[in-house]
Amino acid sequence: GACVGGYAEGSGTLTWTHNGTVNSIYRGPVSKGRMSGPGSIEAPGRFTYTGTFDALGNATGSGTIEYADGVGVYKGGVRDGQVPWQVPF
């Protein structure tokens, strides 16, 4: 997406890397440089979350987390990036 006032705005893909390795990939709308609305974020080799992000970029609402290590799939409520039994991602 485009930049407005120095911030990413619109739909697109955000990719975070560390030392040349991809840490996470977000696909969906961005508002004021933050993930916002329906989208998905993937942490390769760890998990993929598909659901809604609030105006602060936190996973909030109903969503699905698919774990890459075979732990399984969580479908249900997410608030401020947390499911009832998990620390924030």
PDB file of N, CA and C in Angstrom:
ATOM      1  N   GLY A   1       0.813  -1.194   0.000  1.00  0.00           N
ATOM      2  CA  GLY A   1       0.000   0.000   0.000  1.00  0.00           C
ATOM      3  C   GLY A   1       0.849   1.248   0.000  1.00  0.00           C
ATOM      4  N   ALA A   2       0.183   2.368  -0.082  1.00  0.00           N
ATOM      5  CA  ALA A   2       0.834   3.676  -0.142  1.00  0.00           C
ATOM      6  C   ALA A   2       1.211   4.157   1.255  1.00  0.00           C
ATOM      7  N   CYS A   3       1.961   5.266   1.300  1.00  0.00           N
ATOM      8  CA  CYS A   3       2.270   5.923   2.572  1.00  0.00           C
ATOM      9  C   CYS A   3       1.521   7.245   2.626  1.00  0.00           C
ATOM     10  N   VAL A   4       0.904   7.526   3.763  1.00  0.00           N
ATOM     11  CA  VAL A   4       0.189   8.770   3.987  1.00  0.00           C
ATOM     12  C   VAL A   4       0.732   9.364   5.279  1.00  0.00           C
ATOM     13  N   GLY A   5       1.257  10.568   5.203  1.00  0.00           N
ATOM     14  CA  GLY A   5       1.808  11.201   6.395  1.00  0.00           C
ATOM     15  C   GLY A   5       2.962  10.423   7.007  1.00  0.00           C
ATOM     16  N   GLY A   6       3.689   9.680   6.173  1.00  0.00           N
ATOM     17  CA  GLY A   6       4.822   8.908   6.661  1.00  0.00           C
ATOM     18  C   GLY A   6       4.485   7.526   7.185  1.00  0.00           C
ATOM     19  N   TYR A   7       3.211   7.118   7.075  1.00  0.00           N
ATOM     20  CA  TYR A   7       2.780   5.803   7.564  1.00  0.00           C
ATOM     21  C   TYR A   7       2.195   4.974   6.428  1.00  0.00           C
ATOM     22  N   ALA A   8       2.404   3.661   6.499  1.00  0.00           N
ATOM     23  CA  ALA A   8       1.785   2.759   5.529  1.00  0.00           C
ATOM     24  C   ALA A   8       0.271   2.854   5.664  1.00  0.00           C
ATOM     25  N   GLU A   9      -0.420   2.840   4.523  1.00  0.00           N
ATOM     26  CA  GLU A   9      -1.875   2.990   4.503  1.00  0.00           C
ATOM     27  C   GLU A   9      -2.436   2.174   3.347  1.00  0.00           C
ATOM     28  N   GLY A  10      -3.536   1.453   3.589  1.00  0.00           N
ATOM     29  CA  GLY A  10      -4.180   0.655   2.548  1.00  0.00           C
ATOM     30  C   GLY A  10      -3.896  -0.821   2.735  1.00  0.00           C
ATOM     31  N   SER A  11      -4.236  -1.616   1.738  1.00  0.00           N
ATOM     32  CA  SER A  11      -4.015  -3.066   1.810  1.00  0.00           C
ATOM     33  C   SER A  11      -2.659  -3.419   1.239  1.00  0.00           C
ATOM     34  N   GLY A  12      -2.063  -4.449   1.808  1.00  0.00           N
ATOM     35  CA  GLY A  12      -0.763  -4.875   1.310  1.00  0.00           C
ATOM     36  C   GLY A  12      -0.155  -5.945   2.173  1.00  0.00           C
ATOM     37  N   THR A  13       1.155  -6.057   2.079  1.00  0.00           N
ATOM     38  CA  THR A  13       1.918  -7.043   2.823  1.00  0.00           C
ATOM     39  C   THR A  13       3.044  -6.345   3.568  1.00  0.00           C
ATOM     40  N   LEU A  14       3.158  -6.637   4.858  1.00  0.00           N
ATOM     41  CA  LEU A  14       4.273  -6.154   5.673  1.00  0.00           C
ATOM     42  C   LEU A  14       5.124  -7.363   6.034  1.00  0.00           C
ATOM     43  N   THR A  15       6.437  -7.244   5.882  1.00  0.00           N
ATOM     44  CA  THR A  15       7.341  -8.331   6.215  1.00  0.00           C
ATOM     45  C   THR A  15       8.392  -7.824   7.194  1.00  0.00           C
ATOM     46  N   TRP A  16       8.550  -8.533   8.311  1.00  0.00           N
ATOM     47  CA  TRP A  16       9.556  -8.193   9.300  1.00  0.00           C
ATOM     48  C   TRP A  16      10.686  -9.214   9.200  1.00  0.00           C
ATOM     49  N   THR A  17      11.924  -8.727   9.208  1.00  0.00           N
ATOM     50  CA  THR A  17      13.083  -9.614   9.141  1.00  0.00           C
ATOM     51  C   THR A  17      14.070  -9.272  10.259  1.00  0.00           C
ATOM     52  N   HIS A  18      14.925 -10.236  10.554  1.00  0.00           N
ATOM     53  CA  HIS A  18      16.014 -10.032  11.508  1.00  0.00           C
ATOM     54  C   HIS A  18      17.227 -10.776  10.969  1.00  0.00           C
ATOM     55  N   ASN A  19      18.297 -10.041  10.722  1.00  0.00           N
ATOM     56  CA  ASN A  19      19.524 -10.628  10.163  1.00  0.00           C
ATOM     57  C   ASN A  19      19.248 -11.425   8.891  1.00  0.00           C
ATOM     58  N   GLY A  20      18.356 -10.897   8.052  1.00  0.00           N
ATOM     59  CA  GLY A  20      18.048 -11.535   6.779  1.00  0.00           C
ATOM     60  C   GLY A  20      17.056 -12.675   6.839  1.00  0.00           C
ATOM     61  N   THR A  21      16.553 -13.010   8.029  1.00  0.00           N
ATOM     62  CA  THR A  21      15.577 -14.083   8.183  1.00  0.00           C
ATOM     63  C   THR A  21      14.196 -13.483   8.426  1.00  0.00           C
ATOM     64  N   VAL A  22      13.204 -13.986   7.713  1.00  0.00           N
ATOM     65  CA  VAL A  22      11.832 -13.496   7.877  1.00  0.00           C
ATOM     66  C   VAL A  22      11.287 -13.955   9.222  1.00  0.00           C
ATOM     67  N   ASN A  23      10.861 -12.982  10.045  1.00  0.00           N
ATOM     68  CA  ASN A  23      10.252 -13.289  11.345  1.00  0.00           C
ATOM     69  C   ASN A  23       8.748 -13.413  11.240  1.00  0.00           C
ATOM     70  N   SER A  24       8.120 -12.516  10.485  1.00  0.00           N
ATOM     71  CA  SER A  24       6.664 -12.568  10.325  1.00  0.00           C
ATOM     72  C   SER A  24       6.239 -11.817   9.085  1.00  0.00           C
ATOM     73  N   ILE A  25       5.078 -12.229   8.575  1.00  0.00           N
ATOM     74  CA  ILE A  25       4.503 -11.634   7.366  1.00  0.00           C
ATOM     75  C   ILE A  25       3.031 -11.355   7.646  1.00  0.00           C
ATOM     76  N   TYR A  26       2.624 -10.103   7.454  1.00  0.00           N
ATOM     77  CA  TYR A  26       1.227  -9.698   7.618  1.00  0.00           C
ATOM     78  C   TYR A  26       0.650  -9.392   6.251  1.00  0.00           C
ATOM     79  N   ARG A  27      -0.572  -9.869   6.028  1.00  0.00           N
ATOM     80  CA  ARG A  27      -1.294  -9.568   4.787  1.00  0.00           C
ATOM     81  C   ARG A  27      -2.667  -9.038   5.163  1.00  0.00           C
ATOM     82  N   GLY A  28      -2.967  -7.822   4.692  1.00  0.00           N
ATOM     83  CA  GLY A  28      -4.258  -7.230   4.986  1.00  0.00           C
ATOM     84  C   GLY A  28      -4.181  -5.728   5.026  1.00  0.00           C
ATOM     85  N   PRO A  29      -5.241  -5.085   5.532  1.00  0.00           N
ATOM     86  CA  PRO A  29      -5.259  -3.633   5.571  1.00  0.00           C
ATOM     87  C   PRO A  29      -4.350  -3.065   6.659  1.00  0.00           C
ATOM     88  N   VAL A  30      -3.812  -1.874   6.369  1.00  0.00           N
ATOM     89  CA  VAL A  30      -2.950  -1.155   7.298  1.00  0.00           C
ATOM     90  C   VAL A  30      -3.500   0.257   7.435  1.00  0.00           C
ATOM     91  N   SER A  31      -3.575   0.745   8.656  1.00  0.00           N
ATOM     92  CA  SER A  31      -4.039   2.106   8.916  1.00  0.00           C
ATOM     93  C   SER A  31      -3.041   2.784   9.847  1.00  0.00           C
ATOM     94  N   LYS A  32      -2.514   3.909   9.415  1.00  0.00           N
ATOM     95  CA  LYS A  32      -1.522   4.662  10.195  1.00  0.00           C
ATOM     96  C   LYS A  32      -0.333   3.791  10.576  1.00  0.00           C
ATOM     97  N   GLY A  33       0.069   2.919   9.656  1.00  0.00           N
ATOM     98  CA  GLY A  33       1.236   2.075   9.858  1.00  0.00           C
ATOM     99  C   GLY A  33       1.008   0.843  10.704  1.00  0.00           C
ATOM    100  N   ARG A  34      -0.247   0.582  11.079  1.00  0.00           N
ATOM    101  CA  ARG A  34      -0.540  -0.576  11.934  1.00  0.00           C
ATOM    102  C   ARG A  34      -1.508  -1.533  11.248  1.00  0.00           C
ATOM    103  N   MET A  35      -1.362  -2.813  11.578  1.00  0.00           N
ATOM    104  CA  MET A  35      -2.309  -3.803  11.086  1.00  0.00           C
ATOM    105  C   MET A  35      -3.685  -3.398  11.596  1.00  0.00           C
ATOM    106  N   SER A  36      -4.693  -3.448  10.740  1.00  0.00           N
ATOM    107  CA  SER A  36      -6.018  -2.982  11.146  1.00  0.00           C
ATOM    108  C   SER A  36      -7.087  -3.648  10.303  1.00  0.00           C
ATOM    109  N   GLY A  37      -8.056  -4.281  10.968  1.00  0.00           N
ATOM    110  CA  GLY A  37      -9.143  -4.936  10.241  1.00  0.00           C
ATOM    111  C   GLY A  37      -8.845  -6.400  10.011  1.00  0.00           C
ATOM    112  N   PRO A  38      -9.542  -7.022   9.047  1.00  0.00           N
ATOM    113  CA  PRO A  38      -9.349  -8.447   8.792  1.00  0.00           C
ATOM    114  C   PRO A  38      -8.029  -8.702   8.063  1.00  0.00           C
ATOM    115  N   GLY A  39      -7.266  -9.658   8.565  1.00  0.00           N
ATOM    116  CA  GLY A  39      -5.993  -9.967   7.930  1.00  0.00           C
ATOM    117  C   GLY A  39      -5.405 -11.234   8.495  1.00  0.00           C
ATOM    118  N   SER A  40      -4.151 -11.500   8.120  1.00  0.00           N
ATOM    119  CA  SER A  40      -3.464 -12.667   8.661  1.00  0.00           C
ATOM    120  C   SER A  40      -2.004 -12.327   8.894  1.00  0.00           C
ATOM    121  N   ILE A  41      -1.437 -12.965   9.903  1.00  0.00           N
ATOM    122  CA  ILE A  41      -0.011 -12.813  10.170  1.00  0.00           C
ATOM    123  C   ILE A  41       0.572 -14.202  10.341  1.00  0.00           C
ATOM    124  N   GLU A  42       1.702 -14.407   9.685  1.00  0.00           N
ATOM    125  CA  GLU A  42       2.377 -15.696   9.745  1.00  0.00           C
ATOM    126  C   GLU A  42       3.758 -15.510  10.354  1.00  0.00           C
ATOM    127  N   ALA A  43       4.076 -16.331  11.317  1.00  0.00           N
ATOM    128  CA  ALA A  43       5.423 -16.430  11.866  1.00  0.00           C
ATOM    129  C   ALA A  43       5.956 -17.770  11.377  1.00  0.00           C
ATOM    130  N   PRO A  44       6.737 -17.777  10.283  1.00  0.00           N
ATOM    131  CA  PRO A  44       7.155 -19.036   9.669  1.00  0.00           C
ATOM    132  C   PRO A  44       7.745 -20.021  10.678  1.00  0.00           C
ATOM    133  N   GLY A  45       7.248 -21.255  10.608  1.00  0.00           N
ATOM    134  CA  GLY A  45       7.706 -22.301  11.497  1.00  0.00           C
ATOM    135  C   GLY A  45       7.095 -22.246  12.891  1.00  0.00           C
ATOM    136  N   ARG A  46       6.214 -21.235  13.147  1.00  0.00           N
ATOM    137  CA  ARG A  46       5.611 -21.106  14.475  1.00  0.00           C
ATOM    138  C   ARG A  46       4.092 -21.133  14.408  1.00  0.00           C
ATOM    139  N   PHE A  47       3.480 -20.158  13.753  1.00  0.00           N
ATOM    140  CA  PHE A  47       2.019 -20.105  13.695  1.00  0.00           C
ATOM    141  C   PHE A  47       1.556 -19.180  12.585  1.00  0.00           C
ATOM    142  N   THR A  48       0.257 -19.301  12.260  1.00  0.00           N
ATOM    143  CA  THR A  48      -0.434 -18.341  11.401  1.00  0.00           C
ATOM    144  C   THR A  48      -1.726 -17.962  12.103  1.00  0.00           C
ATOM    145  N   TYR A  49      -1.963 -16.658  12.233  1.00  0.00           N
ATOM    146  CA  TYR A  49      -3.214 -16.151  12.807  1.00  0.00           C
ATOM    147  C   TYR A  49      -4.006 -15.500  11.685  1.00  0.00           C
ATOM    148  N   THR A  50      -5.270 -15.872  11.575  1.00  0.00           N
ATOM    149  CA  THR A  50      -6.183 -15.248  10.624  1.00  0.00           C
ATOM    150  C   THR A  50      -7.377 -14.742  11.412  1.00  0.00           C
ATOM    151  N   GLY A  51      -7.629 -13.453  11.298  1.00  0.00           N
ATOM    152  CA  GLY A  51      -8.722 -12.855  12.055  1.00  0.00           C
ATOM    153  C   GLY A  51      -8.699 -11.352  11.951  1.00  0.00           C
ATOM    154  N   THR A  52      -9.095 -10.695  13.034  1.00  0.00           N
ATOM    155  CA  THR A  52      -9.239  -9.245  13.039  1.00  0.00           C
ATOM    156  C   THR A  52      -8.179  -8.602  13.927  1.00  0.00           C
ATOM    157  N   PHE A  53      -7.713  -7.429  13.496  1.00  0.00           N
ATOM    158  CA  PHE A  53      -6.762  -6.626  14.250  1.00  0.00           C
ATOM    159  C   PHE A  53      -7.425  -5.293  14.585  1.00  0.00           C
ATOM    160  N   ASP A  54      -7.221  -4.801  15.818  1.00  0.00           N
ATOM    161  CA  ASP A  54      -7.821  -3.520  16.212  1.00  0.00           C
ATOM    162  C   ASP A  54      -6.956  -2.349  15.735  1.00  0.00           C
ATOM    163  N   ALA A  55      -7.351  -1.130  16.057  1.00  0.00           N
ATOM    164  CA  ALA A  55      -6.664   0.076  15.589  1.00  0.00           C
ATOM    165  C   ALA A  55      -5.232   0.191  16.112  1.00  0.00           C
ATOM    166  N   LEU A  56      -4.901  -0.558  17.175  1.00  0.00           N
ATOM    167  CA  LEU A  56      -3.542  -0.550  17.716  1.00  0.00           C
ATOM    168  C   LEU A  56      -2.676  -1.665  17.138  1.00  0.00           C
ATOM    169  N   GLY A  57      -3.275  -2.478  16.251  1.00  0.00           N
ATOM    170  CA  GLY A  57      -2.541  -3.571  15.630  1.00  0.00           C
ATOM    171  C   GLY A  57      -2.578  -4.868  16.407  1.00  0.00           C
ATOM    172  N   ASN A  58      -3.417  -4.938  17.451  1.00  0.00           N
ATOM    173  CA  ASN A  58      -3.542  -6.158  18.255  1.00  0.00           C
ATOM    174  C   ASN A  58      -4.572  -7.103  17.648  1.00  0.00           C
ATOM    175  N   ALA A  59      -4.269  -8.402  17.669  1.00  0.00           N
ATOM    176  CA  ALA A  59      -5.253  -9.403  17.266  1.00  0.00           C
ATOM    177  C   ALA A  59      -6.390  -9.365  18.283  1.00  0.00           C
ATOM    178  N   THR A  60      -7.604  -9.120  17.809  1.00  0.00           N
ATOM    179  CA  THR A  60      -8.755  -8.974  18.700  1.00  0.00           C
ATOM    180  C   THR A  60     -10.002  -9.477  17.983  1.00  0.00           C
ATOM    181  N   GLY A  61     -10.856 -10.184  18.711  1.00  0.00           N
ATOM    182  CA  GLY A  61     -12.102 -10.684  18.135  1.00  0.00           C
ATOM    183  C   GLY A  61     -12.014 -12.176  17.894  1.00  0.00           C
ATOM    184  N   SER A  62     -12.748 -12.639  16.929  1.00  0.00           N
ATOM    185  CA  SER A  62     -12.757 -14.053  16.597  1.00  0.00           C
ATOM    186  C   SER A  62     -11.654 -14.329  15.583  1.00  0.00           C
ATOM    187  N   GLY A  63     -10.901 -15.389  15.819  1.00  0.00           N
ATOM    188  CA  GLY A  63      -9.822 -15.707  14.896  1.00  0.00           C
ATOM    189  C   GLY A  63      -9.430 -17.163  14.967  1.00  0.00           C
ATOM    190  N   THR A  64      -8.481 -17.523  14.108  1.00  0.00           N
ATOM    191  CA  THR A  64      -7.961 -18.878  14.046  1.00  0.00           C
ATOM    192  C   THR A  64      -6.440 -18.819  14.106  1.00  0.00           C
ATOM    193  N   ILE A  65      -5.866 -19.636  14.980  1.00  0.00           N
ATOM    194  CA  ILE A  65      -4.419 -19.753  15.067  1.00  0.00           C
ATOM    195  C   ILE A  65      -4.066 -21.190  14.708  1.00  0.00           C
ATOM    196  N   GLU A  66      -3.264 -21.342  13.674  1.00  0.00           N
ATOM    197  CA  GLU A  66      -2.792 -22.660  13.262  1.00  0.00           C
ATOM    198  C   GLU A  66      -1.319 -22.752  13.625  1.00  0.00           C
ATOM    199  N   TYR A  67      -0.983 -23.708  14.479  1.00  0.00           N
ATOM    200  CA  TYR A  67       0.386 -23.875  14.947  1.00  0.00           C
ATOM    201  C   TYR A  67       1.166 -24.785  14.021  1.00  0.00           C
ATOM    202  N   ALA A  68       2.389 -24.390  13.682  1.00  0.00           N
ATOM    203  CA  ALA A  68       3.209 -25.139  12.735  1.00  0.00           C
ATOM    204  C   ALA A  68       3.848 -26.373  13.348  1.00  0.00           C
ATOM    205  N   ASP A  69       3.970 -26.413  14.670  1.00  0.00           N
ATOM    206  CA  ASP A  69       4.668 -27.530  15.310  1.00  0.00           C
ATOM    207  C   ASP A  69       3.767 -28.719  15.607  1.00  0.00           C
ATOM    208  N   GLY A  70       2.569 -28.717  15.052  1.00  0.00           N
ATOM    209  CA  GLY A  70       1.665 -29.836  15.223  1.00  0.00           C
ATOM    210  C   GLY A  70       0.827 -29.785  16.482  1.00  0.00           C
ATOM    211  N   VAL A  71       0.907 -28.694  17.234  1.00  0.00           N
ATOM    212  CA  VAL A  71       0.108 -28.558  18.457  1.00  0.00           C
ATOM    213  C   VAL A  71      -1.372 -28.551  18.119  1.00  0.00           C
ATOM    214  N   GLY A  72      -1.729 -27.973  16.989  1.00  0.00           N
ATOM    215  CA  GLY A  72      -3.124 -27.972  16.583  1.00  0.00           C
ATOM    216  C   GLY A  72      -3.599 -26.622  16.106  1.00  0.00           C
ATOM    217  N   VAL A  73      -4.908 -26.456  16.198  1.00  0.00           N
ATOM    218  CA  VAL A  73      -5.573 -25.248  15.726  1.00  0.00           C
ATOM    219  C   VAL A  73      -6.451 -24.713  16.837  1.00  0.00           C
ATOM    220  N   TYR A  74      -6.391 -23.399  17.040  1.00  0.00           N
ATOM    221  CA  TYR A  74      -7.277 -22.728  17.995  1.00  0.00           C
ATOM    222  C   TYR A  74      -8.236 -21.863  17.209  1.00  0.00           C
ATOM    223  N   LYS A  75      -9.533 -22.019  17.461  1.00  0.00           N
ATOM    224  CA  LYS A  75     -10.554 -21.170  16.855  1.00  0.00           C
ATOM    225  C   LYS A  75     -11.371 -20.588  17.988  1.00  0.00           C
ATOM    226  N   GLY A  76     -11.465 -19.269  18.008  1.00  0.00           N
ATOM    227  CA  GLY A  76     -12.238 -18.642  19.070  1.00  0.00           C
ATOM    228  C   GLY A  76     -11.819 -17.219  19.322  1.00  0.00           C
ATOM    229  N   GLY A  77     -12.101 -16.766  20.528  1.00  0.00           N
ATOM    230  CA  GLY A  77     -11.862 -15.385  20.885  1.00  0.00           C
ATOM    231  C   GLY A  77     -10.406 -15.066  21.146  1.00  0.00           C
ATOM    232  N   VAL A  78     -10.012 -13.899  20.677  1.00  0.00           N
ATOM    233  CA  VAL A  78      -8.673 -13.364  20.891  1.00  0.00           C
ATOM    234  C   VAL A  78      -8.858 -11.928  21.366  1.00  0.00           C
ATOM    235  N   ARG A  79      -8.098 -11.535  22.391  1.00  0.00           N
ATOM    236  CA  ARG A  79      -8.205 -10.166  22.894  1.00  0.00           C
ATOM    237  C   ARG A  79      -6.810  -9.626  23.164  1.00  0.00           C
ATOM    238  N   ASP A  80      -6.507  -8.487  22.574  1.00  0.00           N
ATOM    239  CA  ASP A  80      -5.198  -7.848  22.750  1.00  0.00           C
ATOM    240  C   ASP A  80      -4.052  -8.802  22.440  1.00  0.00           C
ATOM    241  N   GLY A  81      -4.212  -9.611  21.402  1.00  0.00           N
ATOM    242  CA  GLY A  81      -3.164 -10.527  20.987  1.00  0.00           C
ATOM    243  C   GLY A  81      -3.037 -11.768  21.841  1.00  0.00           C
ATOM    244  N   GLN A  82      -4.028 -12.058  22.680  1.00  0.00           N
ATOM    245  CA  GLN A  82      -3.964 -13.223  23.560  1.00  0.00           C
ATOM    246  C   GLN A  82      -5.199 -14.100  23.400  1.00  0.00           C
ATOM    247  N   VAL A  83      -4.975 -15.389  23.521  1.00  0.00           N
ATOM    248  CA  VAL A  83      -6.071 -16.326  23.686  1.00  0.00           C
ATOM    249  C   VAL A  83      -6.125 -16.622  25.178  1.00  0.00           C
ATOM    250  N   PRO A  84      -7.198 -17.198  25.689  1.00  0.00           N
ATOM    251  CA  PRO A  84      -7.352 -17.339  27.147  1.00  0.00           C
ATOM    252  C   PRO A  84      -6.193 -18.010  27.874  1.00  0.00           C
ATOM    253  N   TRP A  85      -5.421 -18.867  27.216  1.00  0.00           N
ATOM    254  CA  TRP A  85      -4.372 -19.634  27.901  1.00  0.00           C
ATOM    255  C   TRP A  85      -2.975 -19.328  27.407  1.00  0.00           C
ATOM    256  N   GLN A  86      -2.787 -18.209  26.690  1.00  0.00           N
ATOM    257  CA  GLN A  86      -1.516 -17.975  26.036  1.00  0.00           C
ATOM    258  C   GLN A  86      -1.011 -16.559  26.267  1.00  0.00           C
ATOM    259  N   VAL A  87       0.286 -16.383  26.232  1.00  0.00           N
ATOM    260  CA  VAL A  87       0.885 -15.052  26.313  1.00  0.00           C
ATOM    261  C   VAL A  87       0.715 -14.353  24.961  1.00  0.00           C
ATOM    262  N   PRO A  88       0.862 -13.022  24.889  1.00  0.00           N
ATOM    263  CA  PRO A  88       0.673 -12.310  23.619  1.00  0.00           C
ATOM    264  C   PRO A  88       1.630 -12.803  22.548  1.00  0.00           C
ATOM    265  N   PHE A  89       1.142 -12.781  21.306  1.00  0.00           N
ATOM    266  CA  PHE A  89       2.049 -13.075  20.194  1.00  0.00           C
ATOM    267  C   PHE A  89       2.199 -11.815  19.459  1.00  0.00           C
TER     268      PHE A  89
END
